Amino acid sequence: MSLKNIVQGYSNSALNKAGILSEDKAHKAEERMNICRGCDTFIVLSMVCDKSKGGCGCHMDKKVYAMNASCPKQKW
């Protein structure tokens, strides 16, 4: 994931926690997170997409907020 996407993911996550992220972005992130929760590469305790199983290795609780990021398994 690019540095730009990392910054955007963390920023949008913080904005969402503060209740000021736009509704469409918050909804998109929520949809993505639901997909991740159902994936076999997702590690619930660490919120990481397991690279050893073909995932990206990212912290998904932040990556889902990077609007230009994508899933390496093409699920979103």
PDB file of N, CA and C in Angstrom:
ATOM      1  N   MET A   1       0.845  -1.162   0.000  1.00  0.00           N
ATOM      2  CA  MET A   1       0.000   0.000   0.000  1.00  0.00           C
ATOM      3  C   MET A   1       0.896   1.233   0.000  1.00  0.00           C
ATOM      4  N   SER A   2       0.505   2.232  -0.745  1.00  0.00           N
ATOM      5  CA  SER A   2       1.310   3.446  -0.864  1.00  0.00           C
ATOM      6  C   SER A   2       1.230   4.288   0.414  1.00  0.00           C
ATOM      7  N   LEU A   3       2.212   5.146   0.597  1.00  0.00           N
ATOM      8  CA  LEU A   3       2.226   6.039   1.754  1.00  0.00           C
ATOM      9  C   LEU A   3       0.972   6.920   1.760  1.00  0.00           C
ATOM     10  N   LYS A   4       0.566   7.365   0.599  1.00  0.00           N
ATOM     11  CA  LYS A   4      -0.639   8.195   0.488  1.00  0.00           C
ATOM     12  C   LYS A   4      -1.861   7.440   1.021  1.00  0.00           C
ATOM     13  N   ASN A   5      -1.993   6.174   0.652  1.00  0.00           N
ATOM     14  CA  ASN A   5      -3.116   5.366   1.123  1.00  0.00           C
ATOM     15  C   ASN A   5      -3.038   5.112   2.625  1.00  0.00           C
ATOM     16  N   ILE A   6      -1.826   4.914   3.138  1.00  0.00           N
ATOM     17  CA  ILE A   6      -1.655   4.695   4.574  1.00  0.00           C
ATOM     18  C   ILE A   6      -2.114   5.931   5.348  1.00  0.00           C
ATOM     19  N   VAL A   7      -1.661   7.095   4.917  1.00  0.00           N
ATOM     20  CA  VAL A   7      -2.045   8.344   5.580  1.00  0.00           C
ATOM     21  C   VAL A   7      -3.558   8.548   5.488  1.00  0.00           C
ATOM     22  N   GLN A   8      -4.117   8.315   4.321  1.00  0.00           N
ATOM     23  CA  GLN A   8      -5.554   8.485   4.144  1.00  0.00           C
ATOM     24  C   GLN A   8      -6.337   7.502   5.018  1.00  0.00           C
ATOM     25  N   GLY A   9      -5.878   6.258   5.100  1.00  0.00           N
ATOM     26  CA  GLY A   9      -6.558   5.260   5.919  1.00  0.00           C
ATOM     27  C   GLY A   9      -6.593   5.640   7.386  1.00  0.00           C
ATOM     28  N   TYR A  10      -5.451   6.054   7.919  1.00  0.00           N
ATOM     29  CA  TYR A  10      -5.394   6.464   9.322  1.00  0.00           C
ATOM     30  C   TYR A  10      -6.201   7.737   9.561  1.00  0.00           C
ATOM     31  N   SER A  11      -6.105   8.694   8.633  1.00  0.00           N
ATOM     32  CA  SER A  11      -6.844   9.957   8.777  1.00  0.00           C
ATOM     33  C   SER A  11      -8.352   9.730   8.746  1.00  0.00           C
ATOM     34  N   ASN A  12      -8.813   8.985   7.756  1.00  0.00           N
ATOM     35  CA  ASN A  12     -10.245   8.729   7.646  1.00  0.00           C
ATOM     36  C   ASN A  12     -10.763   7.902   8.818  1.00  0.00           C
ATOM     37  N   SER A  13      -9.960   6.982   9.315  1.00  0.00           N
ATOM     38  CA  SER A  13     -10.355   6.208  10.491  1.00  0.00           C
ATOM     39  C   SER A  13     -10.560   7.136  11.691  1.00  0.00           C
ATOM     40  N   ALA A  14      -9.642   8.068  11.878  1.00  0.00           N
ATOM     41  CA  ALA A  14      -9.753   9.031  12.980  1.00  0.00           C
ATOM     42  C   ALA A  14     -10.974   9.933  12.796  1.00  0.00           C
ATOM     43  N   LEU A  15     -11.203  10.383  11.564  1.00  0.00           N
ATOM     44  CA  LEU A  15     -12.376  11.212  11.292  1.00  0.00           C
ATOM     45  C   LEU A  15     -13.662  10.450  11.577  1.00  0.00           C
ATOM     46  N   ASN A  16     -13.677   9.168  11.252  1.00  0.00           N
ATOM     47  CA  ASN A  16     -14.855   8.354  11.515  1.00  0.00           C
ATOM     48  C   ASN A  16     -15.089   8.211  13.019  1.00  0.00           C
ATOM     49  N   LYS A  17     -14.029   7.979  13.773  1.00  0.00           N
ATOM     50  CA  LYS A  17     -14.160   7.867  15.230  1.00  0.00           C
ATOM     51  C   LYS A  17     -14.656   9.169  15.836  1.00  0.00           C
ATOM     52  N   ALA A  18     -14.309  10.293  15.228  1.00  0.00           N
ATOM     53  CA  ALA A  18     -14.763  11.599  15.702  1.00  0.00           C
ATOM     54  C   ALA A  18     -16.178  11.922  15.210  1.00  0.00           C
ATOM     55  N   GLY A  19     -16.701  11.070  14.322  1.00  0.00           N
ATOM     56  CA  GLY A  19     -18.049  11.271  13.811  1.00  0.00           C
ATOM     57  C   GLY A  19     -18.170  12.307  12.717  1.00  0.00           C
ATOM     58  N   ILE A  20     -17.051  12.611  12.057  1.00  0.00           N
ATOM     59  CA  ILE A  20     -17.099  13.652  11.022  1.00  0.00           C
ATOM     60  C   ILE A  20     -16.672  13.166   9.634  1.00  0.00           C
ATOM     61  N   LEU A  21     -16.517  11.864   9.466  1.00  0.00           N
ATOM     62  CA  LEU A  21     -16.230  11.320   8.135  1.00  0.00           C
ATOM     63  C   LEU A  21     -17.531  11.297   7.349  1.00  0.00           C
ATOM     64  N   SER A  22     -17.457  11.572   6.064  1.00  0.00           N
ATOM     65  CA  SER A  22     -18.678  11.575   5.252  1.00  0.00           C
ATOM     66  C   SER A  22     -19.361  10.209   5.323  1.00  0.00           C
ATOM     67  N   GLU A  23     -20.665  10.244   5.228  1.00  0.00           N
ATOM     68  CA  GLU A  23     -21.458   9.026   5.355  1.00  0.00           C
ATOM     69  C   GLU A  23     -21.110   7.993   4.282  1.00  0.00           C
ATOM     70  N   ASP A  24     -20.861   8.447   3.060  1.00  0.00           N
ATOM     71  CA  ASP A  24     -20.549   7.504   1.984  1.00  0.00           C
ATOM     72  C   ASP A  24     -19.208   6.801   2.214  1.00  0.00           C
ATOM     73  N   LYS A  25     -18.208   7.532   2.709  1.00  0.00           N
ATOM     74  CA  LYS A  25     -16.912   6.911   2.994  1.00  0.00           C
ATOM     75  C   LYS A  25     -17.011   5.945   4.172  1.00  0.00           C
ATOM     76  N   ALA A  26     -17.750   6.334   5.193  1.00  0.00           N
ATOM     77  CA  ALA A  26     -17.931   5.463   6.355  1.00  0.00           C
ATOM     78  C   ALA A  26     -18.651   4.177   5.954  1.00  0.00           C
ATOM     79  N   HIS A  27     -19.650   4.302   5.094  1.00  0.00           N
ATOM     80  CA  HIS A  27     -20.400   3.136   4.631  1.00  0.00           C
ATOM     81  C   HIS A  27     -19.510   2.218   3.786  1.00  0.00           C
ATOM     82  N   LYS A  28     -18.713   2.802   2.919  1.00  0.00           N
ATOM     83  CA  LYS A  28     -17.806   2.013   2.079  1.00  0.00           C
ATOM     84  C   LYS A  28     -16.800   1.250   2.941  1.00  0.00           C
ATOM     85  N   ALA A  29     -16.244   1.919   3.957  1.00  0.00           N
ATOM     86  CA  ALA A  29     -15.288   1.267   4.856  1.00  0.00           C
ATOM     87  C   ALA A  29     -15.954   0.137   5.625  1.00  0.00           C
ATOM     88  N   GLU A  30     -17.180   0.355   6.071  1.00  0.00           N
ATOM     89  CA  GLU A  30     -17.912  -0.678   6.811  1.00  0.00           C
ATOM     90  C   GLU A  30     -18.185  -1.897   5.923  1.00  0.00           C
ATOM     91  N   GLU A  31     -18.579  -1.665   4.688  1.00  0.00           N
ATOM     92  CA  GLU A  31     -18.810  -2.769   3.747  1.00  0.00           C
ATOM     93  C   GLU A  31     -17.529  -3.568   3.519  1.00  0.00           C
ATOM     94  N   ARG A  32     -16.413  -2.851   3.325  1.00  0.00           N
ATOM     95  CA  ARG A  32     -15.124  -3.517   3.118  1.00  0.00           C
ATOM     96  C   ARG A  32     -14.744  -4.355   4.338  1.00  0.00           C
ATOM     97  N   MET A  33     -14.923  -3.793   5.539  1.00  0.00           N
ATOM     98  CA  MET A  33     -14.548  -4.503   6.758  1.00  0.00           C
ATOM     99  C   MET A  33     -15.377  -5.769   6.924  1.00  0.00           C
ATOM    100  N   ASN A  34     -16.644  -5.711   6.568  1.00  0.00           N
ATOM    101  CA  ASN A  34     -17.500  -6.903   6.638  1.00  0.00           C
ATOM    102  C   ASN A  34     -17.003  -7.992   5.693  1.00  0.00           C
ATOM    103  N   ILE A  35     -16.533  -7.605   4.525  1.00  0.00           N
ATOM    104  CA  ILE A  35     -15.970  -8.570   3.580  1.00  0.00           C
ATOM    105  C   ILE A  35     -14.712  -9.190   4.175  1.00  0.00           C
ATOM    106  N   CYS A  36     -13.858  -8.352   4.762  1.00  0.00           N
ATOM    107  CA  CYS A  36     -12.615  -8.845   5.370  1.00  0.00           C
ATOM    108  C   CYS A  36     -12.897  -9.835   6.490  1.00  0.00           C
ATOM    109  N   ARG A  37     -13.878  -9.534   7.319  1.00  0.00           N
ATOM    110  CA  ARG A  37     -14.211 -10.424   8.446  1.00  0.00           C
ATOM    111  C   ARG A  37     -14.585 -11.834   7.977  1.00  0.00           C
ATOM    112  N   GLY A  38     -15.115 -11.939   6.771  1.00  0.00           N
ATOM    113  CA  GLY A  38     -15.505 -13.236   6.236  1.00  0.00           C
ATOM    114  C   GLY A  38     -14.424 -13.925   5.426  1.00  0.00           C
ATOM    115  N   CYS A  39     -13.247 -13.322   5.342  1.00  0.00           N
ATOM    116  CA  CYS A  39     -12.163 -13.857   4.518  1.00  0.00           C
ATOM    117  C   CYS A  39     -11.254 -14.777   5.327  1.00  0.00           C
ATOM    118  N   ASP A  40     -10.740 -15.811   4.678  1.00  0.00           N
ATOM    119  CA  ASP A  40      -9.863 -16.770   5.355  1.00  0.00           C
ATOM    120  C   ASP A  40      -8.465 -16.224   5.642  1.00  0.00           C
ATOM    121  N   THR A  41      -8.118 -15.069   5.088  1.00  0.00           N
ATOM    122  CA  THR A  41      -6.802 -14.480   5.368  1.00  0.00           C
ATOM    123  C   THR A  41      -6.843 -13.466   6.508  1.00  0.00           C
ATOM    124  N   PHE A  42      -8.035 -13.151   6.998  1.00  0.00           N
ATOM    125  CA  PHE A  42      -8.193 -12.131   8.036  1.00  0.00           C
ATOM    126  C   PHE A  42      -7.947 -12.721   9.421  1.00  0.00           C
ATOM    127  N   ILE A  43      -7.067 -12.060  10.189  1.00  0.00           N
ATOM    128  CA  ILE A  43      -6.784 -12.465  11.563  1.00  0.00           C
ATOM    129  C   ILE A  43      -7.532 -11.495  12.483  1.00  0.00           C
ATOM    130  N   VAL A  44      -8.556 -11.990  13.150  1.00  0.00           N
ATOM    131  CA  VAL A  44      -9.447 -11.145  13.945  1.00  0.00           C
ATOM    132  C   VAL A  44      -8.719 -10.412  15.068  1.00  0.00           C
ATOM    133  N   LEU A  45      -7.897 -11.108  15.825  1.00  0.00           N
ATOM    134  CA  LEU A  45      -7.261 -10.503  16.992  1.00  0.00           C
ATOM    135  C   LEU A  45      -6.348  -9.334  16.649  1.00  0.00           C
ATOM    136  N   SER A  46      -5.647  -9.419  15.535  1.00  0.00           N
ATOM    137  CA  SER A  46      -4.723  -8.346  15.159  1.00  0.00           C
ATOM    138  C   SER A  46      -5.282  -7.429  14.069  1.00  0.00           C
ATOM    139  N   MET A  47      -6.427  -7.803  13.485  1.00  0.00           N
ATOM    140  CA  MET A  47      -7.056  -7.041  12.401  1.00  0.00           C
ATOM    141  C   MET A  47      -6.143  -6.943  11.179  1.00  0.00           C
ATOM    142  N   VAL A  48      -5.322  -7.968  10.956  1.00  0.00           N
ATOM    143  CA  VAL A  48      -4.352  -7.990   9.863  1.00  0.00           C
ATOM    144  C   VAL A  48      -4.784  -9.010   8.814  1.00  0.00           C
ATOM    145  N   CYS A  49      -4.500  -8.700   7.566  1.00  0.00           N
ATOM    146  CA  CYS A  49      -4.716  -9.616   6.454  1.00  0.00           C
ATOM    147  C   CYS A  49      -3.440 -10.452   6.308  1.00  0.00           C
ATOM    148  N   ASP A  50      -3.522 -11.734   6.618  1.00  0.00           N
ATOM    149  CA  ASP A  50      -2.369 -12.625   6.721  1.00  0.00           C
ATOM    150  C   ASP A  50      -1.641 -12.806   5.389  1.00  0.00           C
ATOM    151  N   LYS A  51      -0.443 -12.275   5.340  1.00  0.00           N
ATOM    152  CA  LYS A  51       0.369 -12.333   4.118  1.00  0.00           C
ATOM    153  C   LYS A  51       0.761 -13.768   3.767  1.00  0.00           C
ATOM    154  N   SER A  52       0.947 -14.611   4.771  1.00  0.00           N
ATOM    155  CA  SER A  52       1.346 -16.000   4.514  1.00  0.00           C
ATOM    156  C   SER A  52       0.235 -16.814   3.844  1.00  0.00           C
ATOM    157  N   LYS A  53      -0.986 -16.278   3.838  1.00  0.00           N
ATOM    158  CA  LYS A  53      -2.118 -16.948   3.196  1.00  0.00           C
ATOM    159  C   LYS A  53      -2.545 -16.225   1.919  1.00  0.00           C
ATOM    160  N   GLY A  54      -1.688 -15.350   1.415  1.00  0.00           N
ATOM    161  CA  GLY A  54      -1.995 -14.637   0.179  1.00  0.00           C
ATOM    162  C   GLY A  54      -2.607 -13.267   0.388  1.00  0.00           C
ATOM    163  N   GLY A  55      -2.661 -12.827   1.643  1.00  0.00           N
ATOM    164  CA  GLY A  55      -3.190 -11.502   1.944  1.00  0.00           C
ATOM    165  C   GLY A  55      -2.134 -10.430   1.757  1.00  0.00           C
ATOM    166  N   CYS A  56      -2.472  -9.221   2.130  1.00  0.00           N
ATOM    167  CA  CYS A  56      -1.578  -8.079   1.897  1.00  0.00           C
ATOM    168  C   CYS A  56      -0.683  -7.748   3.086  1.00  0.00           C
ATOM    169  N   GLY A  57      -1.024  -8.229   4.280  1.00  0.00           N
ATOM    170  CA  GLY A  57      -0.241  -7.929   5.473  1.00  0.00           C
ATOM    171  C   GLY A  57      -0.614  -6.615   6.134  1.00  0.00           C
ATOM    172  N   CYS A  58      -1.644  -5.973   5.631  1.00  0.00           N
ATOM    173  CA  CYS A  58      -2.042  -4.658   6.149  1.00  0.00           C
ATOM    174  C   CYS A  58      -2.959  -4.772   7.363  1.00  0.00           C
ATOM    175  N   HIS A  59      -3.004  -3.686   8.126  1.00  0.00           N
ATOM    176  CA  HIS A  59      -3.961  -3.547   9.220  1.00  0.00           C
ATOM    177  C   HIS A  59      -5.277  -3.105   8.583  1.00  0.00           C
ATOM    178  N   MET A  60      -6.207  -4.011   8.522  1.00  0.00           N
ATOM    179  CA  MET A  60      -7.420  -3.769   7.758  1.00  0.00           C
ATOM    180  C   MET A  60      -8.353  -2.753   8.396  1.00  0.00           C
ATOM    181  N   ASP A  61      -8.260  -2.575   9.708  1.00  0.00           N
ATOM    182  CA  ASP A  61      -9.101  -1.571  10.348  1.00  0.00           C
ATOM    183  C   ASP A  61      -8.735  -0.164   9.904  1.00  0.00           C
ATOM    184  N   LYS A  62      -7.593  -0.014   9.266  1.00  0.00           N
ATOM    185  CA  LYS A  62      -7.181   1.274   8.694  1.00  0.00           C
ATOM    186  C   LYS A  62      -7.265   1.249   7.170  1.00  0.00           C
ATOM    187  N   LYS A  63      -6.845   0.146   6.550  1.00  0.00           N
ATOM    188  CA  LYS A  63      -6.817   0.079   5.084  1.00  0.00           C
ATOM    189  C   LYS A  63      -8.202   0.260   4.476  1.00  0.00           C
ATOM    190  N   VAL A  64      -9.236  -0.229   5.133  1.00  0.00           N
ATOM    191  CA  VAL A  64     -10.587  -0.094   4.565  1.00  0.00           C
ATOM    192  C   VAL A  64     -11.002   1.365   4.409  1.00  0.00           C
ATOM    193  N   TYR A  65     -10.338   2.270   5.125  1.00  0.00           N
ATOM    194  CA  TYR A  65     -10.635   3.704   5.037  1.00  0.00           C
ATOM    195  C   TYR A  65      -9.826   4.417   3.956  1.00  0.00           C
ATOM    196  N   ALA A  66      -8.886   3.747   3.336  1.00  0.00           N
ATOM    197  CA  ALA A  66      -8.118   4.316   2.224  1.00  0.00           C
ATOM    198  C   ALA A  66      -8.937   4.073   0.960  1.00  0.00           C
ATOM    199  N   MET A  67      -9.606   5.093   0.490  1.00  0.00           N
ATOM    200  CA  MET A  67     -10.602   4.936  -0.559  1.00  0.00           C
ATOM    201  C   MET A  67     -10.043   4.416  -1.886  1.00  0.00           C
ATOM    202  N   ASN A  68      -8.759   4.622  -2.165  1.00  0.00           N
ATOM    203  CA  ASN A  68      -8.170   4.132  -3.411  1.00  0.00           C
ATOM    204  C   ASN A  68      -7.453   2.795  -3.253  1.00  0.00           C
ATOM    205  N   ALA A  69      -7.423   2.259  -2.038  1.00  0.00           N
ATOM    206  CA  ALA A  69      -6.777   0.971  -1.795  1.00  0.00           C
ATOM    207  C   ALA A  69      -7.681  -0.156  -2.310  1.00  0.00           C
ATOM    208  N   SER A  70      -7.078  -1.316  -2.500  1.00  0.00           N
ATOM    209  CA  SER A  70      -7.857  -2.467  -2.958  1.00  0.00           C
ATOM    210  C   SER A  70      -7.397  -3.738  -2.268  1.00  0.00           C
ATOM    211  N   CYS A  71      -8.219  -4.740  -2.336  1.00  0.00           N
ATOM    212  CA  CYS A  71      -7.927  -6.043  -1.759  1.00  0.00           C
ATOM    213  C   CYS A  71      -7.059  -6.845  -2.738  1.00  0.00           C
ATOM    214  N   PRO A  72      -5.983  -7.479  -2.253  1.00  0.00           N
ATOM    215  CA  PRO A  72      -5.137  -8.263  -3.155  1.00  0.00           C
ATOM    216  C   PRO A  72      -5.854  -9.505  -3.699  1.00  0.00           C
ATOM    217  N   LYS A  73      -6.929  -9.906  -3.040  1.00  0.00           N
ATOM    218  CA  LYS A  73      -7.718 -11.041  -3.518  1.00  0.00           C
ATOM    219  C   LYS A  73      -8.910 -10.585  -4.354  1.00  0.00           C
ATOM    220  N   GLN A  74      -8.943  -9.287  -4.638  1.00  0.00           N
ATOM    221  CA  GLN A  74      -9.969  -8.657  -5.487  1.00  0.00           C
ATOM    222  C   GLN A  74     -11.373  -8.849  -4.943  1.00  0.00           C
ATOM    223  N   LYS A  75     -11.507  -8.840  -3.608  1.00  0.00           N
ATOM    224  CA  LYS A  75     -12.840  -8.964  -3.001  1.00  0.00           C
ATOM    225  C   LYS A  75     -13.506  -7.612  -2.848  1.00  0.00           C
ATOM    226  N   TRP A  76     -12.709  -6.535  -2.877  1.00  0.00           N
ATOM    227  CA  TRP A  76     -13.262  -5.171  -2.885  1.00  0.00           C
ATOM    228  C   TRP A  76     -12.293  -4.229  -3.539  1.00  0.00           C
TER     229      TRP A  76
END
